[in-house]
Protein backbone atom coordinates (compact mmCIF):
# COMPACT_ATOMS: atom_id res chain seq x y z
CA MET A 1 0.00 0.00 0.00
CA TYR A 2 1.28 3.46 -0.91
CA THR A 3 1.82 5.93 1.91
CA PRO A 4 2.74 9.55 1.19
CA LEU A 5 6.16 10.83 2.17
CA SER A 6 5.87 12.45 5.58
CA ALA A 7 9.50 13.02 6.55
CA LEU A 8 12.76 13.49 4.72
CA HIS A 9 16.11 13.56 6.50
CA LEU A 10 19.11 14.77 4.51
CA GLY A 11 22.43 13.67 5.97
CA ARG A 12 25.88 14.99 5.21
CA SER A 13 29.21 14.03 6.69
CA THR A 14 31.85 16.51 7.82
CA GLY A 15 32.50 17.78 4.27
CA LEU A 16 30.04 20.63 4.77
CA THR A 17 29.54 21.81 8.32
CA LEU A 18 26.38 22.93 10.04
CA SER A 19 27.84 26.42 10.22
CA ALA A 20 27.97 26.53 6.41
CA LEU A 21 24.28 25.70 6.29
CA GLN A 22 23.57 28.53 8.71
CA ALA A 23 25.50 30.98 6.51
CA ILE A 24 23.07 30.47 3.64
CA GLN A 25 24.05 33.80 2.01
CA ASN A 26 27.63 32.59 1.52
CA LYS A 27 28.97 32.57 -2.07
CA ASN A 28 30.58 29.12 -1.70
CA PHE A 29 29.62 26.68 -4.49
CA LYS A 30 28.42 24.02 -2.04
CA VAL A 31 26.33 26.54 -0.15
CA LYS A 32 24.83 27.61 -3.49
CA ASP A 33 23.87 23.98 -4.10
CA ILE A 34 22.31 23.79 -0.64
CA ARG A 35 20.43 27.04 -1.29
CA ARG A 36 19.16 25.64 -4.62
CA LEU A 37 18.08 22.46 -2.83
CA TYR A 38 16.39 24.51 -0.10
CA ASN A 39 14.42 26.51 -2.68
CA SER A 40 13.27 23.26 -4.31
CA ILE A 41 12.29 21.80 -0.95
CA ARG A 42 10.16 24.84 -0.08
CA LYS A 43 7.81 23.73 -2.88
CA PHE A 44 6.95 20.52 -0.98
CA PRO A 45 3.52 20.32 0.68
CA PRO A 46 3.41 21.60 4.28
CA TYR A 47 2.74 18.14 5.77
CA VAL A 48 6.19 16.95 4.63
CA HIS A 49 8.73 17.61 7.38
CA ILE A 50 12.28 18.09 6.11
CA SER A 51 15.31 18.35 8.35
CA PHE A 52 19.00 18.75 7.59
CA VAL A 53 21.15 16.52 9.73
CA TRP A 54 24.85 16.99 10.32
CA ILE A 55 26.52 13.62 10.80
CA PRO A 56 29.79 14.06 12.73
CA ALA A 57 31.38 10.96 11.25
CA GLN A 58 34.97 11.90 12.00
CA VAL A 59 34.77 13.71 15.33
CA GLY A 60 37.95 13.61 17.37
CA ILE A 61 40.39 13.53 14.46
CA GLN A 62 42.65 16.54 15.01
CA GLY A 63 43.17 17.36 11.32
CA ASN A 64 39.44 17.39 10.66
CA GLU A 65 38.76 19.56 13.70
CA ASN A 66 41.38 22.05 12.49
CA VAL A 67 39.71 22.18 9.08
CA GLU A 68 36.30 22.67 10.71
CA THR A 69 37.68 25.56 12.77
CA LEU A 70 39.23 27.20 9.69
CA ALA A 71 35.98 26.71 7.72
CA LYS A 72 33.97 28.42 10.47
CA ALA A 73 36.48 31.29 10.58
CA ALA A 74 36.26 31.71 6.79
CA LEU A 75 32.47 31.95 6.98
CA ASN A 76 32.77 34.91 9.33
CA LYS A 77 34.79 36.93 6.81
CA ALA A 78 32.83 39.52 4.84
CA SER A 79 33.79 38.35 1.38
CA TYR A 80 36.38 36.37 -0.52
CA PRO A 81 39.03 38.78 -1.88
CA GLY A 82 39.78 36.76 -5.00
CA LYS A 83 37.64 35.67 -7.91
CA LEU A 84 35.75 32.41 -7.54
CA ILE A 85 36.19 30.02 -10.45
CA SER A 86 34.28 26.84 -11.13
CA TRP A 87 35.94 23.49 -11.79
CA SER A 88 34.72 23.47 -15.41
CA ASP A 89 36.57 26.77 -15.99
CA LEU A 90 39.65 25.72 -14.04
CA LYS A 91 40.20 22.27 -15.58
CA PRO A 92 41.27 23.49 -19.08
CA LYS A 93 43.76 25.90 -17.49
CA ILE A 94 45.26 23.09 -15.41
CA ASN A 95 45.48 20.84 -18.47
CA ALA A 96 47.15 23.60 -20.51
CA TYR A 97 49.71 24.15 -17.74
CA ILE A 98 50.46 20.42 -17.46
CA HIS A 99 50.86 20.15 -21.24
CA SER A 100 53.22 23.15 -21.31
CA VAL A 101 55.39 21.58 -18.58
CA TRP A 102 55.35 18.27 -20.48
CA GLN A 103 56.30 20.03 -23.74
CA LYS A 104 59.20 21.87 -22.04
CA LYS A 105 60.58 18.56 -20.72
CA TRP A 106 60.13 17.01 -24.18
CA ASP A 107 61.98 19.92 -25.85
CA ALA A 108 64.80 19.76 -23.27
CA GLU A 109 65.58 16.13 -24.13
CA GLY A 110 67.21 17.16 -27.39
CA ALA A 111 66.61 16.55 -31.08
CA ASP A 112 66.35 12.99 -32.30
CA LYS A 113 64.15 10.91 -34.59
CA LEU A 114 61.17 11.07 -32.22
CA HIS A 115 61.40 14.86 -31.94
CA GLU A 116 61.39 15.14 -35.74
CA ILE A 117 58.20 13.06 -35.90
CA LEU A 118 56.50 14.59 -32.83
CA PRO A 119 57.75 18.17 -32.39
CA ASN A 120 54.59 19.34 -30.62
CA LEU A 121 53.89 16.49 -28.24
CA CYS A 122 50.47 17.34 -26.83
CA GLU A 123 48.79 18.18 -30.14
CA ASP A 124 50.27 15.18 -31.94
CA LEU A 125 49.16 12.74 -29.27
CA ARG A 126 45.57 13.95 -29.63
CA ARG A 127 45.33 13.33 -33.39
CA GLY A 128 42.97 10.44 -32.72
CA GLY A 129 40.38 12.93 -31.47
CA GLU A 130 38.67 13.24 -28.15
CA GLY A 131 37.35 9.98 -26.81
CA ALA A 132 39.41 7.94 -29.27
CA GLY A 133 40.62 5.74 -26.46
CA ARG A 134 44.04 4.90 -25.09
CA LYS A 135 44.51 1.82 -27.27
CA ARG A 136 43.80 3.69 -30.50
CA GLU A 137 46.06 6.58 -29.49
CA THR A 138 48.85 4.09 -28.71
CA VAL A 139 48.45 2.32 -32.06
CA MET A 140 48.40 5.60 -34.01
CA CYS A 141 51.44 6.93 -32.17
CA ARG A 142 53.40 3.71 -32.80
CA LEU A 143 52.49 3.79 -36.49
CA ARG A 144 53.65 7.41 -36.85
CA VAL A 145 56.90 6.73 -35.01
CA GLY A 146 57.55 3.43 -36.76
CA HIS A 147 57.43 1.16 -33.72
CA THR A 148 55.55 -1.75 -35.29
CA TRP A 149 56.11 -5.48 -35.30
CA LEU A 150 57.03 -5.35 -38.97
CA THR A 151 59.75 -2.72 -38.55
CA GLN A 152 61.08 -4.10 -35.28
CA SER A 153 60.81 -7.85 -35.95
CA TYR A 154 64.57 -8.22 -36.26
CA LEU A 155 64.87 -7.27 -32.57
CA LEU A 156 62.28 -9.85 -31.59
CA LYS A 157 64.21 -12.66 -33.33
CA LYS A 158 67.37 -12.06 -31.29
């Protein structure tokens, strides 16, 4: 038999503290998610009781308590002095930085046959296209470089 929902308890471990929930005007991304959830919940019928529950799963661990203290102190500050950036905006910048470091190491190794074939490492390794898969990228790279069974079979016979 179907019974209507009469209570909903939302639990969260120590990742987001109760103090962050109380500072609902905070500009933090997680608090924005909580605010969005809260606005959706307000549309529920009045007979549905909803409570947010903080689950102190890791109480007593000194590192976690230090983080909790710092998080509470940060909530008391008026505003964040820097610019907030989302992960989707940050990820391409991180990838570009990693590729530039990788390219610098590749260029520092000196000129040889591989450098003639793959002068720009990051672009050449992506010729298979996004989502091409590791196996296909490996096969295409080996074909371009000349590392195939046919060209290297004399080494295998030794």
